[in-house]
C-alpha atoms as a PDB file:
ATOM      1  CA  UNK A   1      12.132 -23.176 -14.782  1.00  0.00           C
ATOM      2  CA  UNK A   2      13.301 -19.776 -13.566  1.00  0.00           C
ATOM      3  CA  UNK A   3      16.505 -17.819 -13.847  1.00  0.00           C
ATOM      4  CA  UNK A   4      16.739 -16.959 -10.164  1.00  0.00           C
ATOM      5  CA  UNK A   5      19.524 -19.330  -9.212  1.00  0.00           C
ATOM      6  CA  UNK A   6      21.718 -18.639 -12.206  1.00  0.00           C
ATOM      7  CA  UNK A   7      21.507 -14.876 -11.821  1.00  0.00           C
ATOM      8  CA  UNK A   8      22.053 -15.036  -8.080  1.00  0.00           C
ATOM      9  CA  UNK A   9      25.163 -17.145  -8.544  1.00  0.00           C
ATOM     10  CA  UNK A  10      26.677 -14.876 -11.181  1.00  0.00           C
ATOM     11  CA  UNK A  11      29.581 -12.813  -9.843  1.00  0.00           C
ATOM     12  CA  UNK A  12      29.903 -10.703 -12.973  1.00  0.00           C
ATOM     13  CA  UNK A  13      27.335  -8.269 -14.373  1.00  0.00           C
ATOM     14  CA  UNK A  14      24.598  -9.963 -16.363  1.00  0.00           C
ATOM     15  CA  UNK A  15      21.325  -9.200 -18.088  1.00  0.00           C
ATOM     16  CA  UNK A  16      18.499 -11.087 -19.806  1.00  0.00           C
ATOM     17  CA  UNK A  17      18.367 -10.907 -23.583  1.00  0.00           C
ATOM     18  CA  UNK A  18      14.985 -11.553 -25.235  1.00  0.00           C
ATOM     19  CA  UNK A  19      14.204 -12.712 -28.754  1.00  0.00           C
ATOM     20  CA  UNK A  20      11.030 -13.852 -30.488  1.00  0.00           C
ATOM     21  CA  UNK A  21      11.010 -17.379 -31.847  1.00  0.00           C
ATOM     22  CA  UNK A  22       9.447 -16.826 -35.247  1.00  0.00           C
ATOM     23  CA  UNK A  23       7.788 -19.344 -37.536  1.00  0.00           C
ATOM     24  CA  UNK A  24       5.146 -20.484 -35.075  1.00  0.00           C
ATOM     25  CA  UNK A  25       2.408 -17.853 -35.312  1.00  0.00           C
ATOM     26  CA  UNK A  26       0.938 -15.956 -38.232  1.00  0.00           C
ATOM     27  CA  UNK A  27       1.500 -12.738 -36.297  1.00  0.00           C
ATOM     28  CA  UNK A  28       5.252 -13.365 -36.656  1.00  0.00           C
ATOM     29  CA  UNK A  29       5.012 -13.318 -40.440  1.00  0.00           C
ATOM     30  CA  UNK A  30       5.632 -10.051 -42.334  1.00  0.00           C
ATOM     31  CA  UNK A  31       2.827 -10.951 -44.753  1.00  0.00           C
ATOM     32  CA  UNK A  32       0.159 -10.910 -42.018  1.00  0.00           C
ATOM     33  CA  UNK A  33      -1.764  -7.628 -41.940  1.00  0.00           C
ATOM     34  CA  UNK A  34      -2.485  -6.557 -38.338  1.00  0.00           C
ATOM     35  CA  UNK A  35      -5.355  -4.315 -39.420  1.00  0.00           C
ATOM     36  CA  UNK A  36      -7.431  -7.231 -40.728  1.00  0.00           C
ATOM     37  CA  UNK A  37      -6.159 -10.122 -38.604  1.00  0.00           C
ATOM     38  CA  UNK A  38      -8.658 -11.849 -36.295  1.00  0.00           C
ATOM     39  CA  UNK A  39      -7.028 -14.099 -33.704  1.00  0.00           C
ATOM     40  CA  UNK A  40     -10.322 -15.924 -33.124  1.00  0.00           C
ATOM     41  CA  UNK A  41     -10.654 -16.978 -36.761  1.00  0.00           C
ATOM     42  CA  UNK A  42      -7.322 -18.809 -37.045  1.00  0.00           C
ATOM     43  CA  UNK A  43      -6.578 -20.780 -33.866  1.00  0.00           C
ATOM     44  CA  UNK A  44      -4.837 -17.812 -32.189  1.00  0.00           C
ATOM     45  CA  UNK A  45      -2.606 -17.630 -35.268  1.00  0.00           C
ATOM     46  CA  UNK A  46      -0.820 -20.905 -34.511  1.00  0.00           C
ATOM     47  CA  UNK A  47       0.618 -22.095 -37.829  1.00  0.00           C
ATOM     48  CA  UNK A  48      -0.410 -25.575 -38.966  1.00  0.00           C
ATOM     49  CA  UNK A  49       2.991 -27.205 -39.304  1.00  0.00           C
ATOM     50  CA  UNK A  50       5.103 -30.145 -38.184  1.00  0.00           C
ATOM     51  CA  UNK A  51       7.607 -29.953 -35.328  1.00  0.00           C
ATOM     52  CA  UNK A  52      10.804 -31.901 -34.879  1.00  0.00           C
ATOM     53  CA  UNK A  53       9.353 -33.383 -31.687  1.00  0.00           C
ATOM     54  CA  UNK A  54       6.266 -34.821 -33.433  1.00  0.00           C
ATOM     55  CA  UNK A  55       7.668 -38.294 -34.265  1.00  0.00           C
ATOM     56  CA  UNK A  56       8.277 -39.154 -30.619  1.00  0.00           C
ATOM     57  CA  UNK A  57       5.228 -37.380 -29.183  1.00  0.00           C
ATOM     58  CA  UNK A  58       2.576 -38.021 -31.815  1.00  0.00           C
ATOM     59  CA  UNK A  59       3.623 -40.889 -34.075  1.00  0.00           C
ATOM     60  CA  UNK A  60      -0.009 -41.765 -34.863  1.00  0.00           C
ATOM     61  CA  UNK A  61      -0.912 -38.139 -35.732  1.00  0.00           C
ATOM     62  CA  UNK A  62      -3.660 -37.995 -33.120  1.00  0.00           C
ATOM     63  CA  UNK A  63      -2.717 -34.835 -31.227  1.00  0.00           C
ATOM     64  CA  UNK A  64      -3.948 -31.330 -31.929  1.00  0.00           C
ATOM     65  CA  UNK A  65      -1.619 -28.570 -33.117  1.00  0.00           C
ATOM     66  CA  UNK A  66      -1.710 -26.976 -29.655  1.00  0.00           C
ATOM     67  CA  UNK A  67      -0.894 -30.240 -27.891  1.00  0.00           C
ATOM     68  CA  UNK A  68       2.102 -30.717 -30.158  1.00  0.00           C
ATOM     69  CA  UNK A  69       3.184 -27.108 -29.651  1.00  0.00           C
ATOM     70  CA  UNK A  70       2.984 -27.472 -25.871  1.00  0.00           C
ATOM     71  CA  UNK A  71       5.212 -30.543 -26.076  1.00  0.00           C
ATOM     72  CA  UNK A  72       7.693 -28.661 -28.248  1.00  0.00           C
ATOM     73  CA  UNK A  73       7.968 -25.826 -25.717  1.00  0.00           C
ATOM     74  CA  UNK A  74       8.448 -28.352 -22.936  1.00  0.00           C
ATOM     75  CA  UNK A  75      11.257 -30.007 -24.894  1.00  0.00           C
ATOM     76  CA  UNK A  76      12.896 -26.664 -25.679  1.00  0.00           C
ATOM     77  CA  UNK A  77      13.009 -25.850 -21.974  1.00  0.00           C
ATOM     78  CA  UNK A  78      14.222 -29.317 -21.038  1.00  0.00           C
ATOM     79  CA  UNK A  79      17.128 -29.099 -23.457  1.00  0.00           C
ATOM     80  CA  UNK A  80      17.953 -25.404 -23.073  1.00  0.00           C
ATOM     81  CA  UNK A  81      20.447 -25.396 -20.214  1.00  0.00           C
ATOM     82  CA  UNK A  82      20.459 -23.202 -17.127  1.00  0.00           C
ATOM     83  CA  UNK A  83      20.857 -19.835 -18.811  1.00  0.00           C
ATOM     84  CA  UNK A  84      18.093 -20.129 -21.429  1.00  0.00           C
ATOM     85  CA  UNK A  85      14.338 -20.519 -21.105  1.00  0.00           C
ATOM     86  CA  UNK A  86      11.265 -20.265 -23.300  1.00  0.00           C
ATOM     87  CA  UNK A  87       7.848 -18.858 -22.430  1.00  0.00           C
ATOM     88  CA  UNK A  88       4.710 -18.361 -24.455  1.00  0.00           C
ATOM     89  CA  UNK A  89       3.174 -14.986 -23.627  1.00  0.00           C
ATOM     90  CA  UNK A  90      -0.558 -14.645 -24.278  1.00  0.00           C
ATOM     91  CA  UNK A  91      -0.831 -10.849 -24.416  1.00  0.00           C
ATOM     92  CA  UNK A  92      -4.357  -9.453 -24.418  1.00  0.00           C
ATOM     93  CA  UNK A  93      -5.321  -5.823 -24.878  1.00  0.00           C
ATOM     94  CA  UNK A  94      -8.236  -4.558 -22.801  1.00  0.00           C
ATOM     95  CA  UNK A  95     -11.629  -4.157 -24.390  1.00  0.00           C
ATOM     96  CA  UNK A  96     -12.870  -0.768 -25.550  1.00  0.00           C
ATOM     97  CA  UNK A  97     -12.907   1.822 -22.775  1.00  0.00           C
ATOM     98  CA  UNK A  98     -14.682   5.168 -22.502  1.00  0.00           C
ATOM     99  CA  UNK A  99     -11.384   6.925 -23.212  1.00  0.00           C
ATOM    100  CA  UNK A 100     -11.139   5.073 -26.547  1.00  0.00           C
ATOM    101  CA  UNK A 101     -14.581   6.384 -27.502  1.00  0.00           C
ATOM    102  CA  UNK A 102     -13.656   9.948 -26.511  1.00  0.00           C
ATOM    103  CA  UNK A 103     -10.341   9.788 -28.382  1.00  0.00           C
ATOM    104  CA  UNK A 104     -12.135   8.617 -31.522  1.00  0.00           C
ATOM    105  CA  UNK A 105     -14.811  11.317 -31.175  1.00  0.00           C
ATOM    106  CA  UNK A 106     -12.551  14.304 -30.552  1.00  0.00           C
ATOM    107  CA  UNK A 107      -9.594  13.082 -32.620  1.00  0.00           C
ATOM    108  CA  UNK A 108      -6.110  12.325 -31.306  1.00  0.00           C
ATOM    109  CA  UNK A 109      -4.708  15.911 -31.543  1.00  0.00           C
ATOM    110  CA  UNK A 110      -7.558  17.376 -29.448  1.00  0.00           C
ATOM    111  CA  UNK A 111      -7.486  14.365 -27.122  1.00  0.00           C
ATOM    112  CA  UNK A 112      -3.768  14.631 -26.449  1.00  0.00           C
ATOM    113  CA  UNK A 113      -3.647  18.398 -25.961  1.00  0.00           C
ATOM    114  CA  UNK A 114      -6.868  18.912 -23.989  1.00  0.00           C
ATOM    115  CA  UNK A 115      -9.439  16.201 -23.321  1.00  0.00           C
ATOM    116  CA  UNK A 116      -7.044  13.543 -22.006  1.00  0.00           C
ATOM    117  CA  UNK A 117      -6.185  15.855 -19.093  1.00  0.00           C
ATOM    118  CA  UNK A 118      -9.784  15.942 -17.875  1.00  0.00           C
ATOM    119  CA  UNK A 119     -11.690  13.317 -15.912  1.00  0.00           C
ATOM    120  CA  UNK A 120     -14.527  13.462 -18.433  1.00  0.00           C
ATOM    121  CA  UNK A 121     -16.809  15.814 -20.328  1.00  0.00           C
ATOM    122  CA  UNK A 122     -19.919  15.879 -18.154  1.00  0.00           C
ATOM    123  CA  UNK A 123     -21.505  13.020 -20.053  1.00  0.00           C
ATOM    124  CA  UNK A 124     -18.760  10.420 -20.059  1.00  0.00           C
ATOM    125  CA  UNK A 125     -16.080   9.768 -17.427  1.00  0.00           C
ATOM    126  CA  UNK A 126     -12.727   8.296 -18.430  1.00  0.00           C
ATOM    127  CA  UNK A 127     -10.596   8.716 -15.320  1.00  0.00           C
ATOM    128  CA  UNK A 128      -9.130   5.215 -14.851  1.00  0.00           C
ATOM    129  CA  UNK A 129     -11.391   4.396 -17.771  1.00  0.00           C
ATOM    130  CA  UNK A 130     -13.875   1.555 -17.453  1.00  0.00           C
ATOM    131  CA  UNK A 131     -15.081  -0.720 -20.229  1.00  0.00           C
ATOM    132  CA  UNK A 132     -17.931   0.286 -22.487  1.00  0.00           C
ATOM    133  CA  UNK A 133     -20.611  -2.270 -23.293  1.00  0.00           C
ATOM    134  CA  UNK A 134     -18.766  -2.914 -26.542  1.00  0.00           C
ATOM    135  CA  UNK A 135     -15.568  -3.463 -24.565  1.00  0.00           C
ATOM    136  CA  UNK A 136     -17.331  -6.012 -22.366  1.00  0.00           C
ATOM    137  CA  UNK A 137     -18.522  -7.856 -25.474  1.00  0.00           C
ATOM    138  CA  UNK A 138     -14.969  -7.880 -26.859  1.00  0.00           C
ATOM    139  CA  UNK A 139     -13.748  -9.529 -23.663  1.00  0.00           C
ATOM    140  CA  UNK A 140     -16.608 -12.025 -23.759  1.00  0.00           C
ATOM    141  CA  UNK A 141     -15.640 -12.874 -27.357  1.00  0.00           C
ATOM    142  CA  UNK A 142     -12.220 -13.824 -26.000  1.00  0.00           C
ATOM    143  CA  UNK A 143     -13.899 -15.899 -23.289  1.00  0.00           C
ATOM    144  CA  UNK A 144     -15.949 -17.817 -25.861  1.00  0.00           C
ATOM    145  CA  UNK A 145     -12.892 -18.367 -27.989  1.00  0.00           C
ATOM    146  CA  UNK A 146     -10.867 -19.699 -25.068  1.00  0.00           C
ATOM    147  CA  UNK A 147     -13.728 -22.061 -24.221  1.00  0.00           C
ATOM    148  CA  UNK A 148     -13.811 -23.313 -27.806  1.00  0.00           C
ATOM    149  CA  UNK A 149     -10.038 -23.792 -27.937  1.00  0.00           C
ATOM    150  CA  UNK A 150     -10.013 -25.675 -24.644  1.00  0.00           C
ATOM    151  CA  UNK A 151     -12.789 -27.999 -25.798  1.00  0.00           C
ATOM    152  CA  UNK A 152     -11.683 -28.635 -29.380  1.00  0.00           C
ATOM    153  CA  UNK A 153      -7.954 -27.898 -29.579  1.00  0.00           C
ATOM    154  CA  UNK A 154      -6.935 -28.822 -26.032  1.00  0.00           C
ATOM    155  CA  UNK A 155      -5.004 -25.569 -25.914  1.00  0.00           C
ATOM    156  CA  UNK A 156      -2.647 -25.163 -23.000  1.00  0.00           C
ATOM    157  CA  UNK A 157      -4.193 -22.535 -20.738  1.00  0.00           C
ATOM    158  CA  UNK A 158      -2.057 -20.017 -18.870  1.00  0.00           C
ATOM    159  CA  UNK A 159      -0.339 -21.261 -15.755  1.00  0.00           C
ATOM    160  CA  UNK A 160       0.095 -17.714 -14.441  1.00  0.00           C
ATOM    161  CA  UNK A 161      -1.972 -14.577 -14.970  1.00  0.00           C
ATOM    162  CA  UNK A 162      -0.741 -10.991 -14.709  1.00  0.00           C
ATOM    163  CA  UNK A 163      -2.854  -7.880 -15.137  1.00  0.00           C
ATOM    164  CA  UNK A 164      -2.385  -4.114 -15.282  1.00  0.00           C
ATOM    165  CA  UNK A 165      -3.801  -2.227 -12.282  1.00  0.00           C
ATOM    166  CA  UNK A 166      -6.022  -0.058 -14.508  1.00  0.00           C
ATOM    167  CA  UNK A 167      -9.695  -0.951 -14.255  1.00  0.00           C
ATOM    168  CA  UNK A 168     -10.261  -1.657 -17.953  1.00  0.00           C
ATOM    169  CA  UNK A 169      -7.642  -4.414 -17.767  1.00  0.00           C
ATOM    170  CA  UNK A 170      -8.819  -5.772 -14.422  1.00  0.00           C
ATOM    171  CA  UNK A 171     -12.326  -6.082 -15.871  1.00  0.00           C
ATOM    172  CA  UNK A 172     -11.162  -7.485 -19.222  1.00  0.00           C
ATOM    173  CA  UNK A 173      -9.214 -10.253 -17.506  1.00  0.00           C
ATOM    174  CA  UNK A 174     -12.241 -11.125 -15.394  1.00  0.00           C
ATOM    175  CA  UNK A 175     -14.625 -11.316 -18.366  1.00  0.00           C
ATOM    176  CA  UNK A 176     -12.053 -13.230 -20.433  1.00  0.00           C
ATOM    177  CA  UNK A 177     -11.084 -15.989 -18.030  1.00  0.00           C
ATOM    178  CA  UNK A 178     -13.967 -16.394 -15.570  1.00  0.00           C
ATOM    179  CA  UNK A 179     -16.056 -19.524 -15.997  1.00  0.00           C
ATOM    180  CA  UNK A 180     -13.581 -21.403 -18.176  1.00  0.00           C
ATOM    181  CA  UNK A 181     -12.740 -25.052 -17.599  1.00  0.00           C
ATOM    182  CA  UNK A 182      -9.265 -24.584 -16.125  1.00  0.00           C
ATOM    183  CA  UNK A 183      -7.038 -27.058 -14.283  1.00  0.00           C
ATOM    184  CA  UNK A 184      -7.876 -26.998 -10.583  1.00  0.00           C
ATOM    185  CA  UNK A 185      -4.216 -26.467  -9.757  1.00  0.00           C
ATOM    186  CA  UNK A 186      -3.906 -23.499 -12.175  1.00  0.00           C
ATOM    187  CA  UNK A 187      -7.002 -21.388 -11.427  1.00  0.00           C
ATOM    188  CA  UNK A 188      -7.604 -17.873 -12.663  1.00  0.00           C
ATOM    189  CA  UNK A 189      -6.107 -15.811  -9.837  1.00  0.00           C
ATOM    190  CA  UNK A 190      -4.283 -12.943 -11.543  1.00  0.00           C
ATOM    191  CA  UNK A 191      -1.490 -10.927 -10.004  1.00  0.00           C
ATOM    192  CA  UNK A 192      -1.901  -7.159 -10.284  1.00  0.00           C
ATOM    193  CA  UNK A 193       1.420  -5.712 -11.485  1.00  0.00           C
ATOM    194  CA  UNK A 194       2.165  -1.988 -11.293  1.00  0.00           C
ATOM    195  CA  UNK A 195       4.711  -2.093 -14.109  1.00  0.00           C
ATOM    196  CA  UNK A 196       2.236  -3.632 -16.583  1.00  0.00           C
ATOM    197  CA  UNK A 197       0.201  -0.436 -16.878  1.00  0.00           C
ATOM    198  CA  UNK A 198      -0.138   1.916 -19.848  1.00  0.00           C
ATOM    199  CA  UNK A 199       2.053   4.965 -20.532  1.00  0.00           C
ATOM    200  CA  UNK A 200       2.192   7.096 -17.390  1.00  0.00           C
ATOM    201  CA  UNK A 201       1.222  10.726 -16.957  1.00  0.00           C
ATOM    202  CA  UNK A 202      -1.140  13.514 -18.123  1.00  0.00           C
ATOM    203  CA  UNK A 203      -3.918  11.215 -19.389  1.00  0.00           C
ATOM    204  CA  UNK A 204      -6.366  10.666 -16.530  1.00  0.00           C
ATOM    205  CA  UNK A 205      -7.476   7.405 -18.139  1.00  0.00           C
ATOM    206  CA  UNK A 206      -4.045   6.052 -17.177  1.00  0.00           C
ATOM    207  CA  UNK A 207      -4.178   7.183 -13.528  1.00  0.00           C
ATOM    208  CA  UNK A 208      -5.029   4.104 -11.509  1.00  0.00           C
ATOM    209  CA  UNK A 209      -7.505   3.808  -8.698  1.00  0.00           C
ATOM    210  CA  UNK A 210      -6.533   3.028  -5.126  1.00  0.00           C
ATOM    211  CA  UNK A 211      -5.360  -0.317  -3.840  1.00  0.00           C
ATOM    212  CA  UNK A 212      -8.471  -0.399  -1.641  1.00  0.00           C
ATOM    213  CA  UNK A 213     -10.710  -0.001  -4.691  1.00  0.00           C
ATOM    214  CA  UNK A 214      -8.953  -2.813  -6.553  1.00  0.00           C
ATOM    215  CA  UNK A 215      -9.127  -5.108  -3.536  1.00  0.00           C
ATOM    216  CA  UNK A 216     -12.834  -4.470  -2.946  1.00  0.00           C
ATOM    217  CA  UNK A 217     -13.854  -4.644  -6.627  1.00  0.00           C
ATOM    218  CA  UNK A 218     -11.742  -7.676  -7.530  1.00  0.00           C
ATOM    219  CA  UNK A 219     -11.402  -9.547  -4.224  1.00  0.00           C
ATOM    220  CA  UNK A 220     -10.059 -12.764  -5.789  1.00  0.00           C
ATOM    221  CA  UNK A 221      -7.111 -10.980  -7.405  1.00  0.00           C
ATOM    222  CA  UNK A 222      -3.687 -11.031  -5.801  1.00  0.00           C
ATOM    223  CA  UNK A 223      -2.035  -7.623  -5.501  1.00  0.00           C
ATOM    224  CA  UNK A 224       1.727  -7.793  -5.686  1.00  0.00           C
ATOM    225  CA  UNK A 225       3.836  -6.976  -2.640  1.00  0.00           C
ATOM    226  CA  UNK A 226       4.833  -3.340  -2.312  1.00  0.00           C
ATOM    227  CA  UNK A 227       1.780  -2.051  -4.199  1.00  0.00           C
ATOM    228  CA  UNK A 228       1.025   1.467  -2.924  1.00  0.00           C
ATOM    229  CA  UNK A 229      -2.430   2.560  -1.767  1.00  0.00           C
ATOM    230  CA  UNK A 230      -2.498   5.534  -4.136  1.00  0.00           C
ATOM    231  CA  UNK A 231      -0.898   5.855  -7.563  1.00  0.00           C
ATOM    232  CA  UNK A 232       2.786   6.712  -7.004  1.00  0.00           C
ATOM    233  CA  UNK A 233       3.736   7.041 -10.684  1.00  0.00           C
ATOM    234  CA  UNK A 234       1.138   9.209 -12.431  1.00  0.00           C
ATOM    235  CA  UNK A 235       1.844  12.925 -12.832  1.00  0.00           C
ATOM    236  CA  UNK A 236      -0.450  15.564 -14.300  1.00  0.00           C
ATOM    237  CA  UNK A 237       2.167  17.630 -16.131  1.00  0.00           C
ATOM    238  CA  UNK A 238       4.432  15.203 -18.029  1.00  0.00           C
ATOM    239  CA  UNK A 239       4.051  11.852 -19.785  1.00  0.00           C
ATOM    240  CA  UNK A 240       6.357   8.857 -20.033  1.00  0.00           C
ATOM    241  CA  UNK A 241       8.157   8.491 -23.369  1.00  0.00           C
ATOM    242  CA  UNK A 242       8.150   5.358 -25.528  1.00  0.00           C
ATOM    243  CA  UNK A 243      11.759   4.548 -24.611  1.00  0.00           C
ATOM    244  CA  UNK A 244      11.006   4.885 -20.894  1.00  0.00           C
ATOM    245  CA  UNK A 245       7.931   2.693 -21.260  1.00  0.00           C
ATOM    246  CA  UNK A 246       9.942   0.021 -23.044  1.00  0.00           C
ATOM    247  CA  UNK A 247      12.562   0.098 -20.252  1.00  0.00           C
ATOM    248  CA  UNK A 248       9.774  -0.289 -17.681  1.00  0.00           C
ATOM    249  CA  UNK A 249       8.198  -3.224 -19.503  1.00  0.00           C
ATOM    250  CA  UNK A 250      11.649  -4.808 -19.835  1.00  0.00           C
ATOM    251  CA  UNK A 251      11.819  -4.714 -16.016  1.00  0.00           C
ATOM    252  CA  UNK A 252       8.413  -6.410 -15.927  1.00  0.00           C
ATOM    253  CA  UNK A 253       9.685  -9.151 -18.236  1.00  0.00           C
ATOM    254  CA  UNK A 254      12.817  -9.578 -16.113  1.00  0.00           C
ATOM    255  CA  UNK A 255      10.623 -10.001 -13.041  1.00  0.00           C
ATOM    256  CA  UNK A 256       8.392 -12.601 -14.696  1.00  0.00           C
ATOM    257  CA  UNK A 257      11.185 -14.587 -16.335  1.00  0.00           C
ATOM    258  CA  UNK A 258      13.276 -14.528 -13.159  1.00  0.00           C
ATOM    259  CA  UNK A 259      10.604 -15.524 -10.666  1.00  0.00           C
ATOM    260  CA  UNK A 260       7.855 -17.401 -12.543  1.00  0.00           C
ATOM    261  CA  UNK A 261       8.639 -21.060 -13.185  1.00  0.00           C
ATOM    262  CA  UNK A 262       5.841 -21.624 -15.699  1.00  0.00           C
ATOM    263  CA  UNK A 263       6.097 -21.506 -19.477  1.00  0.00           C
ATOM    264  CA  UNK A 264       2.607 -20.318 -20.460  1.00  0.00           C
ATOM    265  CA  UNK A 265       1.794 -16.843 -19.175  1.00  0.00           C
ATOM    266  CA  UNK A 266      -1.151 -14.469 -19.605  1.00  0.00           C
ATOM    267  CA  UNK A 267      -0.593 -10.698 -19.608  1.00  0.00           C
ATOM    268  CA  UNK A 268      -3.687  -8.459 -19.787  1.00  0.00           C
ATOM    269  CA  UNK A 269      -2.512  -4.976 -20.610  1.00  0.00           C
ATOM    270  CA  UNK A 270      -2.665  -2.068 -23.050  1.00  0.00           C
ATOM    271  CA  UNK A 271      -1.761  -1.232 -26.634  1.00  0.00           C
ATOM    272  CA  UNK A 272       1.271   0.840 -25.632  1.00  0.00           C
ATOM    273  CA  UNK A 273       2.521  -1.681 -23.095  1.00  0.00           C
ATOM    274  CA  UNK A 274       2.126  -4.605 -25.485  1.00  0.00           C
ATOM    275  CA  UNK A 275       3.903  -2.641 -28.207  1.00  0.00           C
ATOM    276  CA  UNK A 276       6.733  -1.984 -25.737  1.00  0.00           C
ATOM    277  CA  UNK A 277       6.995  -5.698 -24.897  1.00  0.00           C
ATOM    278  CA  UNK A 278       7.026  -6.591 -28.593  1.00  0.00           C
ATOM    279  CA  UNK A 279       9.942  -4.188 -29.101  1.00  0.00           C
ATOM    280  CA  UNK A 280      11.746  -5.623 -26.086  1.00  0.00           C
ATOM    281  CA  UNK A 281      11.471  -9.187 -27.453  1.00  0.00           C
ATOM    282  CA  UNK A 282      12.296  -8.105 -31.032  1.00  0.00           C
ATOM    283  CA  UNK A 283       8.952  -9.008 -32.485  1.00  0.00           C
ATOM    284  CA  UNK A 284       7.657  -7.260 -35.572  1.00  0.00           C
ATOM    285  CA  UNK A 285       5.333  -4.317 -35.016  1.00  0.00           C
ATOM    286  CA  UNK A 286       1.809  -5.691 -34.604  1.00  0.00           C
ATOM    287  CA  UNK A 287      -0.776  -3.170 -33.334  1.00  0.00           C
ATOM    288  CA  UNK A 288      -3.733  -4.752 -31.527  1.00  0.00           C
ATOM    289  CA  UNK A 289      -7.301  -3.528 -31.625  1.00  0.00           C
ATOM    290  CA  UNK A 290      -9.224  -3.321 -28.370  1.00  0.00           C
ATOM    291  CA  UNK A 291      -9.961  -6.794 -27.030  1.00  0.00           C
ATOM    292  CA  UNK A 292      -7.442  -8.526 -29.296  1.00  0.00           C
ATOM    293  CA  UNK A 293      -4.853 -11.110 -28.191  1.00  0.00           C
ATOM    294  CA  UNK A 294      -1.399 -12.001 -29.516  1.00  0.00           C
ATOM    295  CA  UNK A 295       0.652 -15.066 -28.474  1.00  0.00           C
ATOM    296  CA  UNK A 296       4.441 -14.756 -28.719  1.00  0.00           C
ATOM    297  CA  UNK A 297       7.020 -17.465 -28.068  1.00  0.00           C
ATOM    298  CA  UNK A 298       9.954 -15.779 -26.330  1.00  0.00           C
ATOM    299  CA  UNK A 299      13.472 -17.055 -25.809  1.00  0.00           C
ATOM    300  CA  UNK A 300      15.288 -15.519 -22.839  1.00  0.00           C
ATOM    301  CA  UNK A 301      19.012 -15.921 -22.263  1.00  0.00           C
ATOM    302  CA  UNK A 302      21.205 -14.681 -19.435  1.00  0.00           C
ATOM    303  CA  UNK A 303      24.202 -12.880 -20.913  1.00  0.00           C
ATOM    304  CA  UNK A 304      27.201 -12.714 -18.593  1.00  0.00           C
ATOM    305  CA  UNK A 305      28.281  -9.138 -19.193  1.00  0.00           C
ATOM    306  CA  UNK A 306      26.931  -5.669 -18.663  1.00  0.00           C
ATOM    307  CA  UNK A 307      23.780  -4.820 -20.570  1.00  0.00           C
ATOM    308  CA  UNK A 308      24.201  -2.682 -23.669  1.00  0.00           C
ATOM    309  CA  UNK A 309      23.722   0.996 -22.972  1.00  0.00           C
ATOM    310  CA  UNK A 310      20.335   2.421 -23.933  1.00  0.00           C
ATOM    311  CA  UNK A 311      19.063   5.961 -24.277  1.00  0.00           C
ATOM    312  CA  UNK A 312      15.896   6.752 -22.347  1.00  0.00           C
ATOM    313  CA  UNK A 313      14.191  10.007 -23.242  1.00  0.00           C
ATOM    314  CA  UNK A 314      12.858  12.131 -20.368  1.00  0.00           C
ATOM    315  CA  UNK A 315       9.116  12.637 -19.913  1.00  0.00           C
ATOM    316  CA  UNK A 316       7.422  15.228 -22.089  1.00  0.00           C
ATOM    317  CA  UNK A 317       4.632  17.758 -21.506  1.00  0.00           C
ATOM    318  CA  UNK A 318       1.318  17.574 -23.327  1.00  0.00           C
ATOM    319  CA  UNK A 319       1.333  19.007 -26.845  1.00  0.00           C
ATOM    320  CA  UNK A 320      -0.017  22.501 -27.354  1.00  0.00           C
ATOM    321  CA  UNK A 321      -3.428  22.733 -28.985  1.00  0.00           C
ATOM    322  CA  UNK A 322      -3.195  24.236 -32.467  1.00  0.00           C
ATOM    323  CA  UNK A 323      -6.955  24.292 -33.018  1.00  0.00           C
ATOM    324  CA  UNK A 324      -9.969  24.767 -30.751  1.00  0.00           C
ATOM    325  CA  UNK A 325     -10.370  21.365 -29.021  1.00  0.00           C
ATOM    326  CA  UNK A 326     -13.876  22.078 -27.697  1.00  0.00           C
ATOM    327  CA  UNK A 327     -16.196  22.529 -30.650  1.00  0.00           C
ATOM    328  CA  UNK A 328     -18.702  20.106 -29.152  1.00  0.00           C
ATOM    329  CA  UNK A 329     -19.661  19.806 -25.469  1.00  0.00           C
ATOM    330  CA  UNK A 330     -20.166  16.025 -25.342  1.00  0.00           C
ATOM    331  CA  UNK A 331     -18.548  12.793 -26.489  1.00  0.00           C
END
């Protein structure tokens, strides 16, 4: 189900309003501590509970929690009407990158005011940062967990895959989903989406590589139409604000909910981008560590009036260093 027809037919201004359907995942609950939560230890956080659709779908109590949840989502969409739809977003943060290591070594103040502007330090390179070995292992942990969930829980796998154009996400998605037992008609062929990237500007780790590089390094990936050869968004002198990033990720959601008919979607992205999506869908704040995944059930409704006005802050320059940021020559 998509919203294309309904929005195209609307003569009056309209917008899509997003809300999180709470009560399904532990990550929705205010008592769950993000700093200690491990998605792989608790069935992705899916709460063990009954659904109103269980009596008709699983009267003998033979289905797994994920099978019953999938049926519930299907029923919600069937009964929702033309202006409402539900999607489960599996949002995965990339594994640890070399920029994460440098940030931790130098500290955020020195990173933001000095080191983030450089391509590296002579020992480590973090321009369009790649995964560290630890980051690769974090992505492979996700791969093993998906394999376990498919085999034992019969989890519904994503029907569509979207990925940020930054290399650490392109690689994370590949390590996470390659080799899994997926339906032949829903293979892992992710779409590279420009708008899914991390905050834009100043930090060289967030300056993407060329379209040619992405195509040659990840030949099975589909690059969205209109994707420029070189990065058209990154600037060296100013950085996107949180409000601007949230507006950008709202456009990404509008694109997906308007044009993608499927209800189970994978988004491989970044901490800042996932935080922006969580704000856009009114989910509680839930910071993710590198390599972590959060599923969120989202209700989207077309509202037939102009969207509420929002304030988007202009981009900002890098902070000024207040201490010497270069006490050590290497990271």
